[in-house]
Amino acid sequence: MNTLQPILPLHRTMVAVDIEGSTRRTNTARARLRRAMYDLLHRSLELSGIGDRHYDPMLDRGDGAILAIHPVDHVPKTLLLTRFVPVLCALLAKHNEAAPEHGYRFRLRVALHAGEIHYDSRGLFGEDIDITCRLVDAPELKEKLRLTVAPLALAVSEGLYRSVIRHGYDGIDETAFEPLVRLDIGGRRQCGWVYVPGDVAPVIEALPRREDEGVRHPEPLGE
């Protein structure tokens, strides 16, 4: 007789990204942007020293993705804030600058949270996955990005802000985060803190060059 496996929580740091205004794009345009988004994510992880062994396969969200990073000493949460997010922002800025036309350009909403998740044969689930998704889809984050010209806007959970950001570790300016997002998760109110990166030029200058000069811009798919 088959017995159910126990449901055990596993701690992960979660990164969610979502393409701004994707519902206004055609399907062929979305295909281009999805390829570019995944290219940027993998390149940003690589340049941040985060290898395949440090995270699970990305969970696709159609116009976005969720990344679950293992809680190992090689990938502290500070690394995501001081290296991964700035590099992703810089690569996205380079992508948009080099884009041959407007339809190839895009911006991202990004969310960071840490907590317990579960796996089954269909993927990831759990309350902390819900929190991450609610953060990246928050109307306040969408509005903050709409009002800026930055390549991306970041929202972090209340727990991440309190455990990491407010302590002022090197490379993190806690005063740059605003308590803008209001979440109601299971009847409990939570706050999300929003940050918009500033000048990305120094990060771009420090990026190593590669032969294809960043993200490729594929030909239109029959538009």
C-alpha atoms as a PDB file:
ATOM      1  CA  MET A   1       0.000   0.000   0.000  1.00  0.00           C
ATOM      2  CA  ASN A   2       1.337   3.437  -0.925  1.00  0.00           C
ATOM      3  CA  THR A   3       1.988   5.845   1.917  1.00  0.00           C
ATOM      4  CA  LEU A   4       2.115   9.616   1.604  1.00  0.00           C
ATOM      5  CA  GLN A   5       5.485  11.232   2.043  1.00  0.00           C
ATOM      6  CA  PRO A   6       5.638  13.722   4.930  1.00  0.00           C
ATOM      7  CA  ILE A   7       5.335  17.374   3.951  1.00  0.00           C
ATOM      8  CA  LEU A   8       8.622  18.916   5.041  1.00  0.00           C
ATOM      9  CA  PRO A   9       9.535  22.605   4.736  1.00  0.00           C
ATOM     10  CA  LEU A  10      12.736  23.606   2.951  1.00  0.00           C
ATOM     11  CA  HIS A  11      14.230  27.047   3.390  1.00  0.00           C
ATOM     12  CA  ARG A  12      14.926  29.041   0.242  1.00  0.00           C
ATOM     13  CA  THR A  13      15.591  32.621  -0.784  1.00  0.00           C
ATOM     14  CA  MET A  14      13.152  33.446  -3.551  1.00  0.00           C
ATOM     15  CA  VAL A  15      13.593  35.860  -6.444  1.00  0.00           C
ATOM     16  CA  ALA A  16      10.587  36.653  -8.614  1.00  0.00           C
ATOM     17  CA  VAL A  17      10.708  38.745 -11.775  1.00  0.00           C
ATOM     18  CA  ASP A  18       7.932  39.978 -14.032  1.00  0.00           C
ATOM     19  CA  ILE A  19       8.006  41.869 -17.328  1.00  0.00           C
ATOM     20  CA  GLU A  20       6.261  45.233 -17.119  1.00  0.00           C
ATOM     21  CA  GLY A  21       3.214  45.651 -19.342  1.00  0.00           C
ATOM     22  CA  SER A  22       3.507  42.238 -20.971  1.00  0.00           C
ATOM     23  CA  THR A  23      -0.251  41.982 -21.545  1.00  0.00           C
ATOM     24  CA  ARG A  24       0.025  44.846 -24.027  1.00  0.00           C
ATOM     25  CA  ARG A  25       2.504  42.867 -26.161  1.00  0.00           C
ATOM     26  CA  THR A  26       1.773  40.449 -28.972  1.00  0.00           C
ATOM     27  CA  ASN A  27       2.605  36.790 -28.468  1.00  0.00           C
ATOM     28  CA  THR A  28       5.557  37.043 -30.838  1.00  0.00           C
ATOM     29  CA  ALA A  29       6.890  40.022 -28.912  1.00  0.00           C
ATOM     30  CA  ARG A  30       6.449  38.108 -25.662  1.00  0.00           C
ATOM     31  CA  ALA A  31       8.504  35.250 -27.105  1.00  0.00           C
ATOM     32  CA  ARG A  32      11.394  37.634 -27.784  1.00  0.00           C
ATOM     33  CA  LEU A  33      11.185  39.215 -24.349  1.00  0.00           C
ATOM     34  CA  ARG A  34      10.990  35.857 -22.557  1.00  0.00           C
ATOM     35  CA  ARG A  35      14.187  34.718 -24.244  1.00  0.00           C
ATOM     36  CA  ALA A  36      15.895  37.968 -23.338  1.00  0.00           C
ATOM     37  CA  MET A  37      14.617  37.826 -19.751  1.00  0.00           C
ATOM     38  CA  TYR A  38      15.969  34.319 -19.174  1.00  0.00           C
ATOM     39  CA  ASP A  39      19.263  35.240 -20.829  1.00  0.00           C
ATOM     40  CA  LEU A  40      19.599  38.228 -18.500  1.00  0.00           C
ATOM     41  CA  LEU A  41      18.727  36.175 -15.425  1.00  0.00           C
ATOM     42  CA  HIS A  42      21.258  33.444 -16.197  1.00  0.00           C
ATOM     43  CA  ARG A  43      23.952  35.991 -17.061  1.00  0.00           C
ATOM     44  CA  SER A  44      23.290  37.964 -13.861  1.00  0.00           C
ATOM     45  CA  LEU A  45      23.514  34.811 -11.752  1.00  0.00           C
ATOM     46  CA  GLU A  46      26.761  33.827 -13.473  1.00  0.00           C
ATOM     47  CA  LEU A  47      28.345  37.252 -12.949  1.00  0.00           C
ATOM     48  CA  SER A  48      27.252  37.193  -9.308  1.00  0.00           C
ATOM     49  CA  GLY A  49      29.005  33.887  -8.692  1.00  0.00           C
ATOM     50  CA  ILE A  50      25.728  31.975  -8.290  1.00  0.00           C
ATOM     51  CA  GLY A  51      26.049  28.641 -10.076  1.00  0.00           C
ATOM     52  CA  ASP A  52      23.497  26.044 -11.120  1.00  0.00           C
ATOM     53  CA  ARG A  53      24.139  24.060  -7.938  1.00  0.00           C
ATOM     54  CA  HIS A  54      22.925  27.002  -5.856  1.00  0.00           C
ATOM     55  CA  TYR A  55      19.362  27.143  -7.161  1.00  0.00           C
ATOM     56  CA  ASP A  56      16.519  24.978  -8.394  1.00  0.00           C
ATOM     57  CA  PRO A  57      15.275  25.046 -11.994  1.00  0.00           C
ATOM     58  CA  MET A  58      13.437  28.309 -12.563  1.00  0.00           C
ATOM     59  CA  LEU A  59       9.676  28.215 -12.224  1.00  0.00           C
ATOM     60  CA  ASP A  60       8.146  29.815 -15.308  1.00  0.00           C
ATOM     61  CA  ARG A  61       5.321  32.351 -14.854  1.00  0.00           C
ATOM     62  CA  GLY A  62       4.643  33.164 -18.506  1.00  0.00           C
ATOM     63  CA  ASP A  63       5.807  36.773 -18.375  1.00  0.00           C
ATOM     64  CA  GLY A  64       8.113  36.166 -15.453  1.00  0.00           C
ATOM     65  CA  ALA A  65       9.925  33.556 -13.394  1.00  0.00           C
ATOM     66  CA  ILE A  66      10.600  32.471  -9.816  1.00  0.00           C
ATOM     67  CA  LEU A  67      14.044  31.426  -8.663  1.00  0.00           C
ATOM     68  CA  ALA A  68      14.506  29.424  -5.426  1.00  0.00           C
ATOM     69  CA  ILE A  69      18.059  29.737  -4.108  1.00  0.00           C
ATOM     70  CA  HIS A  70      19.481  27.230  -1.655  1.00  0.00           C
ATOM     71  CA  PRO A  71      20.501  28.657   1.726  1.00  0.00           C
ATOM     72  CA  VAL A  72      24.220  28.056   1.400  1.00  0.00           C
ATOM     73  CA  ASP A  73      27.048  30.229   2.658  1.00  0.00           C
ATOM     74  CA  HIS A  74      28.076  31.000  -0.941  1.00  0.00           C
ATOM     75  CA  VAL A  75      24.831  32.891  -1.598  1.00  0.00           C
ATOM     76  CA  PRO A  76      24.001  35.105   1.378  1.00  0.00           C
ATOM     77  CA  LYS A  77      21.004  37.397   0.976  1.00  0.00           C
ATOM     78  CA  THR A  78      23.359  40.369   0.943  1.00  0.00           C
ATOM     79  CA  LEU A  79      24.904  39.046  -2.293  1.00  0.00           C
ATOM     80  CA  LEU A  80      21.535  39.202  -4.018  1.00  0.00           C
ATOM     81  CA  LEU A  81      21.071  42.806  -2.896  1.00  0.00           C
ATOM     82  CA  THR A  82      24.570  44.116  -3.521  1.00  0.00           C
ATOM     83  CA  ARG A  83      25.530  42.105  -6.596  1.00  0.00           C
ATOM     84  CA  PHE A  84      22.726  40.217  -8.329  1.00  0.00           C
ATOM     85  CA  VAL A  85      20.136  43.026  -8.439  1.00  0.00           C
ATOM     86  CA  PRO A  86      22.630  45.727  -9.564  1.00  0.00           C
ATOM     87  CA  VAL A  87      24.048  43.417 -12.249  1.00  0.00           C
ATOM     88  CA  LEU A  88      20.570  42.494 -13.491  1.00  0.00           C
ATOM     89  CA  CYS A  89      19.673  46.181 -13.621  1.00  0.00           C
ATOM     90  CA  ALA A  90      22.860  47.032 -15.514  1.00  0.00           C
ATOM     91  CA  LEU A  91      22.455  44.203 -18.031  1.00  0.00           C
ATOM     92  CA  LEU A  92      18.839  45.202 -18.628  1.00  0.00           C
ATOM     93  CA  ALA A  93      19.929  48.797 -19.233  1.00  0.00           C
ATOM     94  CA  LYS A  94      22.530  47.568 -21.743  1.00  0.00           C
ATOM     95  CA  HIS A  95      19.940  45.368 -23.438  1.00  0.00           C
ATOM     96  CA  ASN A  96      17.514  48.256 -23.858  1.00  0.00           C
ATOM     97  CA  GLU A  97      20.214  50.625 -25.086  1.00  0.00           C
ATOM     98  CA  ALA A  98      21.292  48.140 -27.757  1.00  0.00           C
ATOM     99  CA  ALA A  99      17.770  47.074 -28.736  1.00  0.00           C
ATOM    100  CA  PRO A 100      17.130  47.675 -32.453  1.00  0.00           C
ATOM    101  CA  GLU A 101      13.584  48.900 -31.828  1.00  0.00           C
ATOM    102  CA  HIS A 102      11.132  49.634 -29.025  1.00  0.00           C
ATOM    103  CA  GLY A 103       9.498  46.213 -29.225  1.00  0.00           C
ATOM    104  CA  TYR A 104      12.695  44.589 -27.974  1.00  0.00           C
ATOM    105  CA  ARG A 105      12.931  46.766 -24.858  1.00  0.00           C
ATOM    106  CA  PHE A 106      11.394  45.936 -21.524  1.00  0.00           C
ATOM    107  CA  ARG A 107      11.611  46.610 -17.798  1.00  0.00           C
ATOM    108  CA  LEU A 108      11.269  44.305 -14.813  1.00  0.00           C
ATOM    109  CA  ARG A 109       9.598  44.185 -11.461  1.00  0.00           C
ATOM    110  CA  VAL A 110      11.660  42.125  -9.013  1.00  0.00           C
ATOM    111  CA  ALA A 111      10.757  40.719  -5.597  1.00  0.00           C
ATOM    112  CA  LEU A 112      12.957  39.142  -2.912  1.00  0.00           C
ATOM    113  CA  HIS A 113      11.741  37.064   0.029  1.00  0.00           C
ATOM    114  CA  ALA A 114      13.043  34.188   2.141  1.00  0.00           C
ATOM    115  CA  GLY A 115      11.083  31.433   3.825  1.00  0.00           C
ATOM    116  CA  GLU A 116       9.866  27.862   3.808  1.00  0.00           C
ATOM    117  CA  ILE A 117       8.635  26.213   0.622  1.00  0.00           C
ATOM    118  CA  HIS A 118       7.441  22.793  -0.451  1.00  0.00           C
ATOM    119  CA  TYR A 119       7.871  20.670  -3.558  1.00  0.00           C
ATOM    120  CA  ASP A 120       5.665  18.180  -5.287  1.00  0.00           C
ATOM    121  CA  SER A 121       5.663  16.665  -8.765  1.00  0.00           C
ATOM    122  CA  ARG A 122       4.144  19.872 -10.176  1.00  0.00           C
ATOM    123  CA  GLY A 123       6.594  22.385  -8.706  1.00  0.00           C
ATOM    124  CA  LEU A 124       6.850  24.742  -5.757  1.00  0.00           C
ATOM    125  CA  PHE A 125       4.133  25.823  -3.367  1.00  0.00           C
ATOM    126  CA  GLY A 126       3.575  27.313   0.068  1.00  0.00           C
ATOM    127  CA  GLU A 127       2.716  30.552   1.816  1.00  0.00           C
ATOM    128  CA  ASP A 128       6.151  32.058   1.212  1.00  0.00           C
ATOM    129  CA  ILE A 129       5.808  31.445  -2.524  1.00  0.00           C
ATOM    130  CA  ASP A 130       2.481  33.289  -2.306  1.00  0.00           C
ATOM    131  CA  ILE A 131       4.155  36.216  -0.536  1.00  0.00           C
ATOM    132  CA  THR A 132       6.847  36.431  -3.217  1.00  0.00           C
ATOM    133  CA  CYS A 133       4.270  36.402  -6.019  1.00  0.00           C
ATOM    134  CA  ARG A 134       2.097  38.977  -4.280  1.00  0.00           C
ATOM    135  CA  LEU A 135       5.115  41.252  -3.873  1.00  0.00           C
ATOM    136  CA  VAL A 136       6.130  41.154  -7.531  1.00  0.00           C
ATOM    137  CA  ASP A 137       2.525  41.716  -8.626  1.00  0.00           C
ATOM    138  CA  ALA A 138       1.767  44.455  -6.072  1.00  0.00           C
ATOM    139  CA  PRO A 139       0.011  47.535  -7.540  1.00  0.00           C
ATOM    140  CA  GLU A 140       2.325  49.786  -5.511  1.00  0.00           C
ATOM    141  CA  LEU A 141       5.399  48.232  -7.139  1.00  0.00           C
ATOM    142  CA  LYS A 142       3.849  48.559 -10.593  1.00  0.00           C
ATOM    143  CA  GLU A 143       3.115  52.225  -9.941  1.00  0.00           C
ATOM    144  CA  LYS A 144       6.612  52.898  -8.606  1.00  0.00           C
ATOM    145  CA  LEU A 145       8.153  51.435 -11.760  1.00  0.00           C
ATOM    146  CA  ARG A 146       5.728  53.376 -13.957  1.00  0.00           C
ATOM    147  CA  LEU A 147       6.863  56.641 -12.356  1.00  0.00           C
ATOM    148  CA  THR A 148      10.568  56.004 -12.911  1.00  0.00           C
ATOM    149  CA  VAL A 149      12.846  55.577 -15.914  1.00  0.00           C
ATOM    150  CA  ALA A 150      14.929  52.919 -14.162  1.00  0.00           C
ATOM    151  CA  PRO A 151      15.231  49.468 -15.788  1.00  0.00           C
ATOM    152  CA  LEU A 152      13.708  47.769 -12.747  1.00  0.00           C
ATOM    153  CA  ALA A 153      12.066  48.271  -9.373  1.00  0.00           C
ATOM    154  CA  LEU A 154      12.588  45.928  -6.433  1.00  0.00           C
ATOM    155  CA  ALA A 155      10.260  44.938  -3.597  1.00  0.00           C
ATOM    156  CA  VAL A 156      11.500  43.025  -0.559  1.00  0.00           C
ATOM    157  CA  SER A 157       9.443  41.380   2.144  1.00  0.00           C
ATOM    158  CA  GLU A 158       9.101  42.749   5.648  1.00  0.00           C
ATOM    159  CA  GLY A 159      11.066  39.791   7.007  1.00  0.00           C
ATOM    160  CA  LEU A 160      13.961  40.372   4.617  1.00  0.00           C
ATOM    161  CA  TYR A 161      13.999  44.071   5.407  1.00  0.00           C
ATOM    162  CA  ARG A 162      14.129  43.454   9.146  1.00  0.00           C
ATOM    163  CA  SER A 163      16.649  40.606   9.087  1.00  0.00           C
ATOM    164  CA  VAL A 164      19.080  42.060   6.536  1.00  0.00           C
ATOM    165  CA  ILE A 165      18.451  45.481   5.045  1.00  0.00           C
ATOM    166  CA  ARG A 166      17.847  47.581   8.151  1.00  0.00           C
ATOM    167  CA  HIS A 167      21.183  46.483   9.635  1.00  0.00           C
ATOM    168  CA  GLY A 168      23.123  48.477   7.060  1.00  0.00           C
ATOM    169  CA  TYR A 169      25.505  45.840   5.789  1.00  0.00           C
ATOM    170  CA  ASP A 170      28.194  47.010   3.373  1.00  0.00           C
ATOM    171  CA  GLY A 171      26.708  48.024   0.040  1.00  0.00           C
ATOM    172  CA  ILE A 172      23.133  48.278   1.338  1.00  0.00           C
ATOM    173  CA  ASP A 173      21.525  51.665   1.965  1.00  0.00           C
ATOM    174  CA  GLU A 174      18.526  50.997   4.159  1.00  0.00           C
ATOM    175  CA  THR A 175      17.291  54.571   3.722  1.00  0.00           C
ATOM    176  CA  ALA A 176      16.726  53.942  -0.013  1.00  0.00           C
ATOM    177  CA  PHE A 177      13.906  51.467   0.745  1.00  0.00           C
ATOM    178  CA  GLU A 178      10.344  52.755   1.148  1.00  0.00           C
ATOM    179  CA  PRO A 179       7.527  50.896   2.969  1.00  0.00           C
ATOM    180  CA  LEU A 180       5.043  51.131   0.090  1.00  0.00           C
ATOM    181  CA  VAL A 181       3.484  47.689  -0.431  1.00  0.00           C
ATOM    182  CA  ARG A 182       0.632  46.444   1.743  1.00  0.00           C
ATOM    183  CA  LEU A 183      -0.118  42.722   1.690  1.00  0.00           C
ATOM    184  CA  ASP A 184      -2.838  40.699   3.373  1.00  0.00           C
ATOM    185  CA  ILE A 185      -1.698  37.081   3.602  1.00  0.00           C
ATOM    186  CA  GLY A 186      -4.070  34.749   5.395  1.00  0.00           C
ATOM    187  CA  GLY A 187      -5.600  37.641   7.295  1.00  0.00           C
ATOM    188  CA  ARG A 188      -2.221  38.956   8.438  1.00  0.00           C
ATOM    189  CA  ARG A 189      -1.010  42.338   7.260  1.00  0.00           C
ATOM    190  CA  GLN A 190       2.537  42.591   5.945  1.00  0.00           C
ATOM    191  CA  CYS A 191       4.604  45.414   4.521  1.00  0.00           C
ATOM    192  CA  GLY A 192       6.788  45.312   1.437  1.00  0.00           C
ATOM    193  CA  TRP A 193       9.719  47.694   1.024  1.00  0.00           C
ATOM    194  CA  VAL A 194      10.439  49.135  -2.418  1.00  0.00           C
ATOM    195  CA  TYR A 195      13.778  50.201  -3.875  1.00  0.00           C
ATOM    196  CA  VAL A 196      14.641  51.687  -7.278  1.00  0.00           C
ATOM    197  CA  PRO A 197      18.329  51.442  -8.294  1.00  0.00           C
ATOM    198  CA  GLY A 198      20.061  54.667  -9.178  1.00  0.00           C
ATOM    199  CA  ASP A 199      22.875  55.245 -11.648  1.00  0.00           C
ATOM    200  CA  VAL A 200      23.867  51.923 -13.228  1.00  0.00           C
ATOM    201  CA  ALA A 201      26.772  53.348 -15.252  1.00  0.00           C
ATOM    202  CA  PRO A 202      29.482  52.247 -12.759  1.00  0.00           C
ATOM    203  CA  VAL A 203      28.107  48.715 -12.704  1.00  0.00           C
ATOM    204  CA  ILE A 204      27.974  48.612 -16.511  1.00  0.00           C
ATOM    205  CA  GLU A 205      31.587  49.790 -16.725  1.00  0.00           C
ATOM    206  CA  ALA A 206      32.678  47.028 -14.346  1.00  0.00           C
ATOM    207  CA  LEU A 207      30.916  44.236 -16.238  1.00  0.00           C
ATOM    208  CA  PRO A 208      33.204  41.866 -18.144  1.00  0.00           C
ATOM    209  CA  ARG A 209      32.713  41.894 -21.888  1.00  0.00           C
ATOM    210  CA  ARG A 210      31.733  38.757 -23.759  1.00  0.00           C
ATOM    211  CA  GLU A 211      31.968  37.906 -27.419  1.00  0.00           C
ATOM    212  CA  ASP A 212      28.302  38.449 -28.254  1.00  0.00           C
ATOM    213  CA  GLU A 213      28.182  41.692 -26.198  1.00  0.00           C
ATOM    214  CA  GLY A 214      25.305  40.621 -23.987  1.00  0.00           C
ATOM    215  CA  VAL A 215      21.803  39.625 -24.975  1.00  0.00           C
ATOM    216  CA  ARG A 216      21.136  38.648 -28.569  1.00  0.00           C
ATOM    217  CA  HIS A 217      18.139  40.252 -30.267  1.00  0.00           C
ATOM    218  CA  PRO A 218      16.485  37.546 -32.383  1.00  0.00           C
ATOM    219  CA  GLU A 219      14.694  38.228 -35.592  1.00  0.00           C
ATOM    220  CA  PRO A 220      10.919  38.752 -35.429  1.00  0.00           C
ATOM    221  CA  LEU A 221       8.896  35.527 -35.332  1.00  0.00           C
ATOM    222  CA  GLY A 222       6.526  36.240 -38.176  1.00  0.00           C
ATOM    223  CA  GLU A 223       5.043  39.485 -36.913  1.00  0.00           C
END
